[in-house]
Each structure stands twice: as C-alpha cells, then as structure tokens.
Amino acid sequence: MTDDRDGDAQDQVLGPLIRVLEEAADDAPWALIGGSALRLQRTPVESPNLEFMASATTVEALSGMLQLAARWERGQHLAATRLHFLRHGIPVFVFADPVFHGRYDSLKPIEIPSLWDARVPTRCGSVLVLCTPPEWELLLAVVLGATERVDQLSRHLREHGFDSRLVVRLLREGRVDHETEDAVWSVLERAS
C-alpha cells in the first residue's frame, strides 16, 4: 500500500495542479487516472506518480502555460503526446488522447463516452478531482495484463461492489475482443 506521506505529498501537489489543468482544459474532458485516482477513491494501491489523460488541445495549452515541451511517444503499452514534469518531487504525467495497447486490444479512452460520463468527482482538500472509476481501471488492467493491479481491484470491487451497466458500456464502446470481455467478467464474478 502507498505510504501515507507519499499520498500527502501527492495531495499537496494535486490541488494547485488541478486548478491549472482545469484552466487549460476549459470544457474539454480530462481525468486523473491510474493508482492516484484509485487511491483518492480509497483503493489501496501504490503509485508514486500523478497521471492524467486529457485532450490534445488541453495538453497543448498546459504545455504553454507551464512552458514545458510535450513529446509524442509510443511505448509497449501506451502511445500519446506526453507532458512530464516534477512538482515537489512528485512525477506528473499528462497524456494527450492516449491509446493503451494490450495483447489483444487497444483502448482509446477519448472515444469511450461512458468513461467520461462516469468520472468520479473526488474531494482532495479544497478541489474536486475527476477520477476514472475502478471499473475502467479494471478493464485497462486486464487489457494491459497487469495482474497485480487486477488482483488489487478485484479485492476492492469484492468489498465495495461495481456498476455492471458501466462495465457493459465500457466493453461495448471500447470495442474489446471477446477474450478481454470474458477476462473482465471472470474477475468481476470472483469479486461478486
């Protein structure tokens, strides 16, 4: 589990960062993703980073506001224009229109309307942070083959429940392979 001091340090960076991100985004969608989003929703996962996804225009505006260069990169699991910087020792990543690549599927979150509708507004100090829901994080973990994260989310969803209608919409709009869909439902059946 994440050290409380790490979470406190992230929270101190998060408040001012959200205000800048909201200004850069205007009305465009953005979300805190990954372990930090889950931590804010009381899911015990480790994450030394703050990771966001946003539109390309948002990342371009944020890049200009912070006077930092954003670069397009493609790794084994992620392709996106990426803005990366440190704030008080906390690594921050902002991905523009990311595409997550797994063994069978590629997910393009910007093309999944139900994901943006399902963002979880979570209070962090005096700001409201829009976080991706655990159901999305589970789908992404299955696609990426992140077994440790799948196990963590399975335990969390077993204790707190999940929105099966949201899962159906994410799978359908994400246009995932049948094997991925079966794997997600298998995890959720164990969590029920």
N, C-alpha and C. Protein backbone atom coordinates (compact mmCIF):
# COMPACT_ATOMS: atom_id res chain seq x y z
N MET A 1 0.84 -1.18 0.00
CA MET A 1 0.00 0.00 0.00
C MET A 1 0.89 1.24 0.00
N THR A 2 0.37 2.34 -0.53
CA THR A 2 1.13 3.56 -0.61
C THR A 2 1.37 4.13 0.77
N ASP A 3 2.57 4.59 1.02
CA ASP A 3 2.92 5.26 2.26
C ASP A 3 2.07 6.52 2.39
N ASP A 4 1.49 6.76 3.58
CA ASP A 4 0.63 7.94 3.78
C ASP A 4 1.35 9.24 3.45
N ARG A 5 2.66 9.28 3.72
CA ARG A 5 3.42 10.50 3.41
C ARG A 5 3.45 10.74 1.90
N ASP A 6 3.54 9.65 1.11
CA ASP A 6 3.51 9.79 -0.35
C ASP A 6 2.17 10.37 -0.79
N GLY A 7 1.07 9.84 -0.20
CA GLY A 7 -0.26 10.35 -0.54
C GLY A 7 -0.43 11.79 -0.13
N ASP A 8 0.10 12.17 1.04
CA ASP A 8 0.02 13.57 1.49
C ASP A 8 0.78 14.49 0.54
N ALA A 9 1.96 14.06 0.11
CA ALA A 9 2.76 14.87 -0.82
C ALA A 9 2.03 15.01 -2.15
N GLN A 10 1.43 13.92 -2.63
CA GLN A 10 0.67 13.99 -3.88
C GLN A 10 -0.52 14.95 -3.73
N ASP A 11 -1.21 14.86 -2.60
CA ASP A 11 -2.37 15.73 -2.38
C ASP A 11 -1.97 17.21 -2.37
N GLN A 12 -0.81 17.53 -1.82
CA GLN A 12 -0.35 18.92 -1.79
C GLN A 12 -0.06 19.43 -3.20
N VAL A 13 0.43 18.57 -4.07
CA VAL A 13 0.71 18.93 -5.46
C VAL A 13 -0.59 18.97 -6.26
N LEU A 14 -1.50 18.06 -5.95
CA LEU A 14 -2.71 17.88 -6.74
C LEU A 14 -3.61 19.11 -6.75
N GLY A 15 -3.83 19.73 -5.61
CA GLY A 15 -4.74 20.88 -5.55
C GLY A 15 -4.38 21.99 -6.53
N PRO A 16 -3.18 22.56 -6.45
CA PRO A 16 -2.80 23.62 -7.39
C PRO A 16 -2.75 23.13 -8.84
N LEU A 17 -2.35 21.87 -9.02
CA LEU A 17 -2.25 21.32 -10.37
C LEU A 17 -3.63 21.20 -11.02
N ILE A 18 -4.63 20.81 -10.25
CA ILE A 18 -5.99 20.69 -10.79
C ILE A 18 -6.50 22.05 -11.27
N ARG A 19 -6.22 23.08 -10.52
CA ARG A 19 -6.67 24.42 -10.93
C ARG A 19 -6.05 24.82 -12.29
N VAL A 20 -4.77 24.53 -12.47
CA VAL A 20 -4.10 24.84 -13.74
C VAL A 20 -4.66 23.96 -14.86
N LEU A 21 -4.85 22.69 -14.56
CA LEU A 21 -5.38 21.76 -15.56
C LEU A 21 -6.79 22.16 -16.00
N GLU A 22 -7.63 22.55 -15.06
CA GLU A 22 -8.99 22.98 -15.40
C GLU A 22 -8.96 24.21 -16.30
N GLU A 23 -8.05 25.15 -16.01
CA GLU A 23 -7.93 26.33 -16.85
C GLU A 23 -7.48 25.95 -18.26
N ALA A 24 -6.52 25.05 -18.36
CA ALA A 24 -6.03 24.62 -19.67
C ALA A 24 -7.11 23.85 -20.43
N ALA A 25 -7.90 23.04 -19.71
CA ALA A 25 -8.89 22.19 -20.36
C ALA A 25 -10.10 22.97 -20.84
N ASP A 26 -10.43 24.08 -20.16
CA ASP A 26 -11.65 24.80 -20.46
C ASP A 26 -12.81 23.81 -20.30
N ASP A 27 -13.50 23.45 -21.37
CA ASP A 27 -14.59 22.48 -21.26
C ASP A 27 -14.22 21.10 -21.78
N ALA A 28 -12.98 20.90 -22.18
CA ALA A 28 -12.55 19.60 -22.72
C ALA A 28 -12.41 18.59 -21.58
N PRO A 29 -12.61 17.32 -21.88
CA PRO A 29 -12.53 16.30 -20.83
C PRO A 29 -11.09 16.04 -20.37
N TRP A 30 -10.97 15.72 -19.09
CA TRP A 30 -9.70 15.31 -18.50
C TRP A 30 -10.03 14.42 -17.31
N ALA A 31 -9.06 13.64 -16.87
CA ALA A 31 -9.28 12.79 -15.70
C ALA A 31 -7.95 12.40 -15.08
N LEU A 32 -7.95 12.27 -13.76
CA LEU A 32 -6.84 11.64 -13.05
C LEU A 32 -7.03 10.15 -13.23
N ILE A 33 -5.95 9.45 -13.58
CA ILE A 33 -6.05 8.02 -13.89
C ILE A 33 -5.07 7.22 -13.03
N GLY A 34 -5.18 5.91 -13.12
CA GLY A 34 -4.20 5.03 -12.51
C GLY A 34 -4.29 4.98 -11.00
N GLY A 35 -3.16 4.65 -10.40
CA GLY A 35 -3.08 4.44 -8.96
C GLY A 35 -3.49 5.65 -8.14
N SER A 36 -3.16 6.84 -8.60
CA SER A 36 -3.53 8.05 -7.84
C SER A 36 -5.03 8.24 -7.80
N ALA A 37 -5.70 7.98 -8.93
CA ALA A 37 -7.16 8.08 -8.97
C ALA A 37 -7.78 7.05 -8.04
N LEU A 38 -7.23 5.85 -8.06
CA LEU A 38 -7.75 4.80 -7.19
C LEU A 38 -7.51 5.12 -5.72
N ARG A 39 -6.33 5.64 -5.41
CA ARG A 39 -6.01 6.00 -4.01
C ARG A 39 -7.01 7.01 -3.48
N LEU A 40 -7.35 8.02 -4.30
CA LEU A 40 -8.31 9.03 -3.86
C LEU A 40 -9.70 8.43 -3.62
N GLN A 41 -9.97 7.30 -4.30
CA GLN A 41 -11.26 6.63 -4.12
C GLN A 41 -11.16 5.50 -3.08
N ARG A 42 -10.11 5.55 -2.27
CA ARG A 42 -9.92 4.62 -1.15
C ARG A 42 -9.63 3.19 -1.59
N THR A 43 -8.97 3.03 -2.73
CA THR A 43 -8.49 1.72 -3.16
C THR A 43 -7.01 1.64 -2.83
N PRO A 44 -6.60 0.68 -2.02
CA PRO A 44 -5.20 0.63 -1.58
C PRO A 44 -4.25 0.12 -2.66
N VAL A 45 -3.74 1.05 -3.47
CA VAL A 45 -2.76 0.71 -4.50
C VAL A 45 -1.57 1.65 -4.39
N GLU A 46 -0.44 1.20 -4.89
CA GLU A 46 0.76 2.02 -4.87
C GLU A 46 0.85 2.84 -6.16
N SER A 47 1.29 4.07 -6.04
CA SER A 47 1.54 4.90 -7.20
C SER A 47 2.39 6.10 -6.79
N PRO A 48 3.60 6.16 -7.28
CA PRO A 48 4.45 7.31 -6.96
C PRO A 48 4.13 8.52 -7.84
N ASN A 49 3.32 8.32 -8.88
CA ASN A 49 3.06 9.35 -9.89
C ASN A 49 1.64 9.91 -9.79
N LEU A 50 1.47 11.09 -10.36
CA LEU A 50 0.16 11.63 -10.67
C LEU A 50 0.03 11.52 -12.19
N GLU A 51 -0.99 10.82 -12.66
CA GLU A 51 -1.16 10.61 -14.09
C GLU A 51 -2.55 11.09 -14.51
N PHE A 52 -2.56 11.82 -15.61
CA PHE A 52 -3.80 12.37 -16.15
C PHE A 52 -3.93 11.98 -17.61
N MET A 53 -5.16 11.95 -18.11
CA MET A 53 -5.38 11.92 -19.54
C MET A 53 -6.30 13.09 -19.87
N ALA A 54 -6.04 13.66 -21.04
CA ALA A 54 -6.77 14.85 -21.47
C ALA A 54 -6.75 14.91 -22.99
N SER A 55 -7.44 15.88 -23.52
CA SER A 55 -7.45 16.08 -24.97
C SER A 55 -6.11 16.68 -25.41
N ALA A 56 -5.84 16.57 -26.70
CA ALA A 56 -4.61 17.13 -27.25
C ALA A 56 -4.57 18.65 -27.06
N THR A 57 -5.71 19.31 -27.22
CA THR A 57 -5.73 20.77 -27.04
C THR A 57 -5.45 21.16 -25.60
N THR A 58 -5.91 20.35 -24.66
CA THR A 58 -5.64 20.62 -23.25
C THR A 58 -4.15 20.49 -22.95
N VAL A 59 -3.54 19.43 -23.44
CA VAL A 59 -2.11 19.22 -23.20
C VAL A 59 -1.29 20.32 -23.87
N GLU A 60 -1.70 20.73 -25.05
CA GLU A 60 -1.01 21.83 -25.73
C GLU A 60 -1.11 23.12 -24.92
N ALA A 61 -2.29 23.43 -24.41
CA ALA A 61 -2.47 24.63 -23.59
C ALA A 61 -1.68 24.53 -22.29
N LEU A 62 -1.72 23.37 -21.65
CA LEU A 62 -0.99 23.16 -20.41
C LEU A 62 0.52 23.28 -20.64
N SER A 63 0.97 22.74 -21.74
CA SER A 63 2.39 22.83 -22.11
C SER A 63 2.81 24.30 -22.22
N GLY A 64 1.98 25.10 -22.85
CA GLY A 64 2.28 26.53 -22.98
C GLY A 64 2.24 27.25 -21.65
N MET A 65 1.26 26.92 -20.81
CA MET A 65 1.13 27.57 -19.51
C MET A 65 2.33 27.26 -18.61
N LEU A 66 2.81 26.02 -18.67
CA LEU A 66 3.91 25.60 -17.81
C LEU A 66 5.28 25.81 -18.47
N GLN A 67 5.25 26.23 -19.73
CA GLN A 67 6.47 26.42 -20.52
C GLN A 67 7.33 25.16 -20.53
N LEU A 68 6.66 24.05 -20.83
CA LEU A 68 7.31 22.75 -20.93
C LEU A 68 6.95 22.12 -22.26
N ALA A 69 7.87 21.37 -22.83
CA ALA A 69 7.62 20.72 -24.11
C ALA A 69 6.90 19.39 -23.89
N ALA A 70 5.89 19.15 -24.71
CA ALA A 70 5.21 17.85 -24.73
C ALA A 70 5.77 17.07 -25.92
N ARG A 71 5.94 15.77 -25.73
CA ARG A 71 6.52 14.93 -26.79
C ARG A 71 5.62 13.74 -27.07
N TRP A 72 5.53 13.39 -28.36
CA TRP A 72 4.81 12.17 -28.72
C TRP A 72 5.74 10.99 -28.47
N GLU A 73 5.20 9.96 -27.81
CA GLU A 73 5.97 8.76 -27.53
C GLU A 73 5.08 7.54 -27.67
N ARG A 74 5.70 6.46 -28.09
CA ARG A 74 5.00 5.18 -28.16
C ARG A 74 5.84 4.14 -27.45
N GLY A 75 5.27 3.58 -26.39
CA GLY A 75 5.94 2.51 -25.65
C GLY A 75 5.21 1.20 -25.88
N GLN A 76 5.55 0.22 -25.11
CA GLN A 76 4.94 -1.10 -25.26
C GLN A 76 3.43 -1.06 -25.01
N HIS A 77 2.99 -0.24 -24.04
CA HIS A 77 1.58 -0.23 -23.67
C HIS A 77 0.86 1.09 -23.89
N LEU A 78 1.57 2.13 -24.26
CA LEU A 78 0.94 3.45 -24.34
C LEU A 78 1.54 4.27 -25.48
N ALA A 79 0.66 4.88 -26.25
CA ALA A 79 1.07 5.84 -27.27
C ALA A 79 0.29 7.13 -27.01
N ALA A 80 1.03 8.23 -26.88
CA ALA A 80 0.38 9.52 -26.60
C ALA A 80 1.40 10.64 -26.67
N THR A 81 0.90 11.84 -26.86
CA THR A 81 1.74 13.00 -26.62
C THR A 81 1.78 13.14 -25.11
N ARG A 82 2.99 13.23 -24.58
CA ARG A 82 3.16 13.17 -23.13
C ARG A 82 3.84 14.42 -22.62
N LEU A 83 3.26 14.98 -21.58
CA LEU A 83 3.86 16.09 -20.86
C LEU A 83 4.30 15.52 -19.52
N HIS A 84 5.59 15.65 -19.21
CA HIS A 84 6.13 15.06 -17.98
C HIS A 84 6.92 16.12 -17.24
N PHE A 85 6.68 16.24 -15.93
CA PHE A 85 7.42 17.19 -15.10
C PHE A 85 7.35 16.75 -13.65
N LEU A 86 8.17 17.36 -12.82
CA LEU A 86 8.18 17.10 -11.38
C LEU A 86 7.64 18.30 -10.64
N ARG A 87 6.84 18.06 -9.63
CA ARG A 87 6.38 19.10 -8.72
C ARG A 87 6.65 18.62 -7.31
N HIS A 88 7.55 19.32 -6.61
CA HIS A 88 7.91 18.96 -5.24
C HIS A 88 8.28 17.47 -5.12
N GLY A 89 9.02 16.99 -6.11
CA GLY A 89 9.48 15.61 -6.11
C GLY A 89 8.47 14.59 -6.58
N ILE A 90 7.28 15.01 -6.94
CA ILE A 90 6.23 14.10 -7.42
C ILE A 90 6.24 14.11 -8.95
N PRO A 91 6.46 12.95 -9.59
CA PRO A 91 6.38 12.89 -11.06
C PRO A 91 4.93 13.07 -11.53
N VAL A 92 4.75 13.95 -12.51
CA VAL A 92 3.43 14.20 -13.08
C VAL A 92 3.49 13.89 -14.57
N PHE A 93 2.52 13.12 -15.04
CA PHE A 93 2.40 12.77 -16.45
C PHE A 93 1.01 13.18 -16.93
N VAL A 94 0.96 13.85 -18.06
CA VAL A 94 -0.32 14.20 -18.68
C VAL A 94 -0.27 13.66 -20.10
N PHE A 95 -1.19 12.75 -20.43
CA PHE A 95 -1.22 12.09 -21.72
C PHE A 95 -2.33 12.67 -22.58
N ALA A 96 -1.98 13.08 -23.80
CA ALA A 96 -2.96 13.64 -24.73
C ALA A 96 -3.53 12.51 -25.58
N ASP A 97 -4.85 12.37 -25.56
CA ASP A 97 -5.54 11.37 -26.37
C ASP A 97 -4.79 10.03 -26.37
N PRO A 98 -4.57 9.43 -25.21
CA PRO A 98 -3.75 8.22 -25.15
C PRO A 98 -4.43 7.02 -25.83
N VAL A 99 -3.58 6.11 -26.30
CA VAL A 99 -4.03 4.81 -26.79
C VAL A 99 -3.26 3.77 -25.99
N PHE A 100 -4.00 2.94 -25.26
CA PHE A 100 -3.40 1.90 -24.44
C PHE A 100 -3.41 0.59 -25.23
N HIS A 101 -2.25 -0.03 -25.38
CA HIS A 101 -2.11 -1.25 -26.17
C HIS A 101 -1.89 -2.46 -25.29
N GLY A 102 -2.72 -3.47 -25.48
CA GLY A 102 -2.55 -4.74 -24.79
C GLY A 102 -2.26 -5.84 -25.78
N ARG A 103 -2.33 -7.05 -25.30
CA ARG A 103 -2.04 -8.20 -26.16
C ARG A 103 -3.09 -8.37 -27.26
N TYR A 104 -4.36 -8.16 -26.90
CA TYR A 104 -5.45 -8.37 -27.86
C TYR A 104 -6.12 -7.08 -28.31
N ASP A 105 -6.11 -6.09 -27.46
CA ASP A 105 -6.90 -4.89 -27.70
C ASP A 105 -6.09 -3.62 -27.54
N SER A 106 -6.59 -2.57 -28.15
CA SER A 106 -6.11 -1.21 -27.91
C SER A 106 -7.31 -0.39 -27.48
N LEU A 107 -7.15 0.37 -26.41
CA LEU A 107 -8.23 1.21 -25.90
C LEU A 107 -7.92 2.66 -26.16
N LYS A 108 -8.89 3.38 -26.70
CA LYS A 108 -8.79 4.81 -26.95
C LYS A 108 -9.82 5.50 -26.06
N PRO A 109 -9.43 5.89 -24.86
CA PRO A 109 -10.40 6.44 -23.90
C PRO A 109 -11.20 7.63 -24.44
N ILE A 110 -10.58 8.44 -25.27
CA ILE A 110 -11.28 9.63 -25.78
C ILE A 110 -12.51 9.24 -26.59
N GLU A 111 -12.53 7.99 -27.10
CA GLU A 111 -13.64 7.50 -27.92
C GLU A 111 -14.65 6.68 -27.12
N ILE A 112 -14.57 6.74 -25.79
CA ILE A 112 -15.46 5.96 -24.94
C ILE A 112 -16.29 6.93 -24.09
N PRO A 113 -17.42 7.40 -24.64
CA PRO A 113 -18.22 8.43 -23.94
C PRO A 113 -18.62 8.04 -22.52
N SER A 114 -18.96 6.78 -22.28
CA SER A 114 -19.41 6.39 -20.94
C SER A 114 -18.30 6.55 -19.90
N LEU A 115 -17.04 6.46 -20.32
CA LEU A 115 -15.94 6.66 -19.38
C LEU A 115 -15.95 8.09 -18.87
N TRP A 116 -16.12 9.04 -19.76
CA TRP A 116 -16.08 10.46 -19.37
C TRP A 116 -17.31 10.81 -18.54
N ASP A 117 -18.44 10.16 -18.84
CA ASP A 117 -19.66 10.39 -18.05
C ASP A 117 -19.54 9.77 -16.66
N ALA A 118 -18.68 8.75 -16.51
CA ALA A 118 -18.59 8.01 -15.25
C ALA A 118 -17.45 8.49 -14.36
N ARG A 119 -16.77 9.57 -14.75
CA ARG A 119 -15.69 10.05 -13.88
C ARG A 119 -16.24 10.31 -12.49
N VAL A 120 -15.44 9.98 -11.50
CA VAL A 120 -15.86 10.08 -10.10
C VAL A 120 -15.29 11.37 -9.51
N PRO A 121 -16.16 12.35 -9.21
CA PRO A 121 -15.66 13.57 -8.56
C PRO A 121 -15.26 13.25 -7.12
N THR A 122 -13.99 13.47 -6.81
CA THR A 122 -13.44 13.10 -5.51
C THR A 122 -12.77 14.32 -4.90
N ARG A 123 -13.10 14.60 -3.67
CA ARG A 123 -12.54 15.76 -2.99
C ARG A 123 -11.12 15.48 -2.55
N CYS A 124 -10.25 16.44 -2.83
CA CYS A 124 -8.87 16.42 -2.36
C CYS A 124 -8.60 17.82 -1.83
N GLY A 125 -8.67 17.96 -0.51
CA GLY A 125 -8.55 19.30 0.07
C GLY A 125 -9.70 20.15 -0.39
N SER A 126 -9.38 21.28 -1.00
CA SER A 126 -10.44 22.22 -1.43
C SER A 126 -10.82 22.06 -2.90
N VAL A 127 -10.24 21.09 -3.59
CA VAL A 127 -10.55 20.91 -5.02
C VAL A 127 -11.28 19.60 -5.26
N LEU A 128 -12.02 19.57 -6.36
CA LEU A 128 -12.71 18.38 -6.80
C LEU A 128 -11.90 17.78 -7.95
N VAL A 129 -11.49 16.54 -7.79
CA VAL A 129 -10.67 15.86 -8.79
C VAL A 129 -11.57 14.86 -9.52
N LEU A 130 -11.55 14.90 -10.85
CA LEU A 130 -12.33 13.96 -11.65
C LEU A 130 -11.46 12.73 -11.90
N CYS A 131 -11.85 11.61 -11.31
CA CYS A 131 -11.06 10.38 -11.35
C CYS A 131 -11.75 9.33 -12.23
N THR A 132 -10.95 8.52 -12.89
CA THR A 132 -11.53 7.40 -13.62
C THR A 132 -12.06 6.39 -12.61
N PRO A 133 -13.19 5.74 -12.93
CA PRO A 133 -13.80 4.80 -11.99
C PRO A 133 -13.02 3.48 -11.93
N PRO A 134 -13.17 2.74 -10.84
CA PRO A 134 -12.48 1.45 -10.72
C PRO A 134 -12.84 0.47 -11.85
N GLU A 135 -14.06 0.54 -12.36
CA GLU A 135 -14.46 -0.35 -13.46
C GLU A 135 -13.58 -0.13 -14.69
N TRP A 136 -13.27 1.15 -14.99
CA TRP A 136 -12.37 1.45 -16.10
C TRP A 136 -10.96 0.96 -15.80
N GLU A 137 -10.51 1.22 -14.61
CA GLU A 137 -9.16 0.81 -14.23
C GLU A 137 -9.01 -0.70 -14.31
N LEU A 138 -10.08 -1.45 -13.98
CA LEU A 138 -10.05 -2.90 -14.11
C LEU A 138 -9.95 -3.30 -15.58
N LEU A 139 -10.79 -2.72 -16.44
CA LEU A 139 -10.73 -3.03 -17.87
C LEU A 139 -9.32 -2.76 -18.40
N LEU A 140 -8.78 -1.60 -18.06
CA LEU A 140 -7.44 -1.25 -18.53
C LEU A 140 -6.39 -2.24 -18.01
N ALA A 141 -6.48 -2.61 -16.75
CA ALA A 141 -5.51 -3.56 -16.17
C ALA A 141 -5.60 -4.91 -16.87
N VAL A 142 -6.81 -5.35 -17.20
CA VAL A 142 -6.97 -6.62 -17.93
C VAL A 142 -6.35 -6.50 -19.31
N VAL A 143 -6.64 -5.43 -20.02
CA VAL A 143 -6.09 -5.23 -21.37
C VAL A 143 -4.57 -5.22 -21.33
N LEU A 144 -3.99 -4.56 -20.34
CA LEU A 144 -2.53 -4.43 -20.25
C LEU A 144 -1.86 -5.65 -19.61
N GLY A 145 -2.65 -6.58 -19.11
CA GLY A 145 -2.08 -7.76 -18.47
C GLY A 145 -1.41 -7.45 -17.15
N ALA A 146 -1.90 -6.44 -16.45
CA ALA A 146 -1.34 -6.01 -15.17
C ALA A 146 -1.98 -6.83 -14.05
N THR A 147 -1.49 -8.04 -13.83
CA THR A 147 -2.14 -8.97 -12.91
C THR A 147 -2.19 -8.47 -11.47
N GLU A 148 -1.15 -7.79 -11.02
CA GLU A 148 -1.16 -7.28 -9.64
C GLU A 148 -2.28 -6.24 -9.47
N ARG A 149 -2.42 -5.34 -10.43
CA ARG A 149 -3.49 -4.33 -10.36
C ARG A 149 -4.86 -5.00 -10.47
N VAL A 150 -4.99 -6.01 -11.33
CA VAL A 150 -6.26 -6.74 -11.44
C VAL A 150 -6.62 -7.34 -10.08
N ASP A 151 -5.65 -7.95 -9.41
CA ASP A 151 -5.90 -8.55 -8.09
C ASP A 151 -6.31 -7.49 -7.07
N GLN A 152 -5.63 -6.35 -7.06
CA GLN A 152 -5.97 -5.27 -6.13
C GLN A 152 -7.39 -4.78 -6.38
N LEU A 153 -7.73 -4.58 -7.65
CA LEU A 153 -9.07 -4.09 -7.98
C LEU A 153 -10.14 -5.14 -7.69
N SER A 154 -9.81 -6.40 -7.91
CA SER A 154 -10.77 -7.47 -7.61
C SER A 154 -11.13 -7.46 -6.13
N ARG A 155 -10.13 -7.32 -5.27
CA ARG A 155 -10.39 -7.26 -3.83
C ARG A 155 -11.25 -6.04 -3.48
N HIS A 156 -10.91 -4.89 -4.08
CA HIS A 156 -11.67 -3.67 -3.80
C HIS A 156 -13.13 -3.82 -4.27
N LEU A 157 -13.32 -4.33 -5.47
CA LEU A 157 -14.67 -4.46 -6.01
C LEU A 157 -15.48 -5.51 -5.25
N ARG A 158 -14.80 -6.51 -4.71
CA ARG A 158 -15.48 -7.51 -3.89
C ARG A 158 -16.04 -6.84 -2.64
N GLU A 159 -15.27 -5.93 -2.05
CA GLU A 159 -15.70 -5.26 -0.82
C GLU A 159 -16.71 -4.15 -1.06
N HIS A 160 -16.57 -3.43 -2.19
CA HIS A 160 -17.37 -2.22 -2.41
C HIS A 160 -18.39 -2.33 -3.53
N GLY A 161 -18.36 -3.40 -4.30
CA GLY A 161 -19.29 -3.56 -5.40
C GLY A 161 -18.83 -2.84 -6.65
N PHE A 162 -19.59 -3.04 -7.73
CA PHE A 162 -19.26 -2.41 -9.01
C PHE A 162 -20.54 -2.17 -9.79
N ASP A 163 -20.43 -1.32 -10.80
CA ASP A 163 -21.55 -0.95 -11.65
C ASP A 163 -21.51 -1.81 -12.91
N SER A 164 -22.31 -2.86 -12.96
CA SER A 164 -22.27 -3.78 -14.10
C SER A 164 -22.73 -3.10 -15.40
N ARG A 165 -23.65 -2.14 -15.30
CA ARG A 165 -24.09 -1.42 -16.51
C ARG A 165 -22.95 -0.59 -17.09
N LEU A 166 -22.14 0.00 -16.22
CA LEU A 166 -20.98 0.76 -16.68
C LEU A 166 -19.98 -0.18 -17.35
N VAL A 167 -19.77 -1.34 -16.77
CA VAL A 167 -18.84 -2.31 -17.35
C VAL A 167 -19.29 -2.68 -18.77
N VAL A 168 -20.58 -2.97 -18.93
CA VAL A 168 -21.11 -3.31 -20.26
C VAL A 168 -20.85 -2.18 -21.25
N ARG A 169 -21.12 -0.95 -20.84
CA ARG A 169 -20.91 0.19 -21.75
C ARG A 169 -19.44 0.36 -22.10
N LEU A 170 -18.55 0.23 -21.10
CA LEU A 170 -17.11 0.38 -21.36
C LEU A 170 -16.62 -0.69 -22.32
N LEU A 171 -17.07 -1.93 -22.12
CA LEU A 171 -16.66 -3.02 -23.02
C LEU A 171 -17.17 -2.79 -24.43
N ARG A 172 -18.44 -2.39 -24.54
CA ARG A 172 -19.04 -2.18 -25.86
C ARG A 172 -18.40 -1.00 -26.58
N GLU A 173 -18.31 0.14 -25.88
CA GLU A 173 -17.74 1.33 -26.52
C GLU A 173 -16.24 1.19 -26.76
N GLY A 174 -15.57 0.38 -25.93
CA GLY A 174 -14.14 0.14 -26.11
C GLY A 174 -13.86 -0.86 -27.21
N ARG A 175 -14.93 -1.52 -27.70
CA ARG A 175 -14.83 -2.49 -28.77
C ARG A 175 -13.75 -3.54 -28.50
N VAL A 176 -13.82 -4.14 -27.32
CA VAL A 176 -12.79 -5.09 -26.92
C VAL A 176 -13.04 -6.46 -27.52
N ASP A 177 -11.98 -7.23 -27.62
CA ASP A 177 -12.01 -8.60 -28.10
C ASP A 177 -12.81 -9.46 -27.11
N HIS A 178 -13.37 -10.54 -27.63
CA HIS A 178 -14.18 -11.45 -26.81
C HIS A 178 -13.37 -12.00 -25.63
N GLU A 179 -12.09 -12.29 -25.83
CA GLU A 179 -11.24 -12.81 -24.75
C GLU A 179 -11.09 -11.78 -23.63
N THR A 180 -10.96 -10.52 -23.99
CA THR A 180 -10.84 -9.46 -22.98
C THR A 180 -12.14 -9.34 -22.19
N GLU A 181 -13.25 -9.36 -22.90
CA GLU A 181 -14.55 -9.26 -22.24
C GLU A 181 -14.73 -10.41 -21.25
N ASP A 182 -14.41 -11.63 -21.69
CA ASP A 182 -14.53 -12.80 -20.80
C ASP A 182 -13.62 -12.64 -19.57
N ALA A 183 -12.41 -12.14 -19.78
CA ALA A 183 -11.47 -11.98 -18.66
C ALA A 183 -11.99 -10.96 -17.65
N VAL A 184 -12.57 -9.85 -18.13
CA VAL A 184 -13.13 -8.84 -17.23
C VAL A 184 -14.28 -9.43 -16.42
N TRP A 185 -15.19 -10.12 -17.08
CA TRP A 185 -16.34 -10.69 -16.37
C TRP A 185 -15.88 -11.79 -15.39
N SER A 186 -14.85 -12.52 -15.76
CA SER A 186 -14.32 -13.54 -14.86
C SER A 186 -13.83 -12.92 -13.56
N VAL A 187 -13.11 -11.80 -13.66
CA VAL A 187 -12.64 -11.10 -12.48
C VAL A 187 -13.82 -10.58 -11.66
N LEU A 188 -14.80 -10.01 -12.33
CA LEU A 188 -15.95 -9.44 -11.63
C LEU A 188 -16.81 -10.52 -10.98
N GLU A 189 -16.90 -11.68 -11.60
CA GLU A 189 -17.66 -12.78 -10.99
C GLU A 189 -16.98 -13.24 -9.71
N ARG A 190 -15.64 -13.25 -9.70
CA ARG A 190 -14.92 -13.58 -8.47
C ARG A 190 -15.14 -12.51 -7.42
N ALA A 191 -15.33 -11.25 -7.88
CA ALA A 191 -15.50 -10.13 -6.93
C ALA A 191 -16.91 -10.09 -6.35
N SER A 192 -17.86 -10.76 -7.01
CA SER A 192 -19.26 -10.71 -6.54
C SER A 192 -19.47 -11.53 -5.30
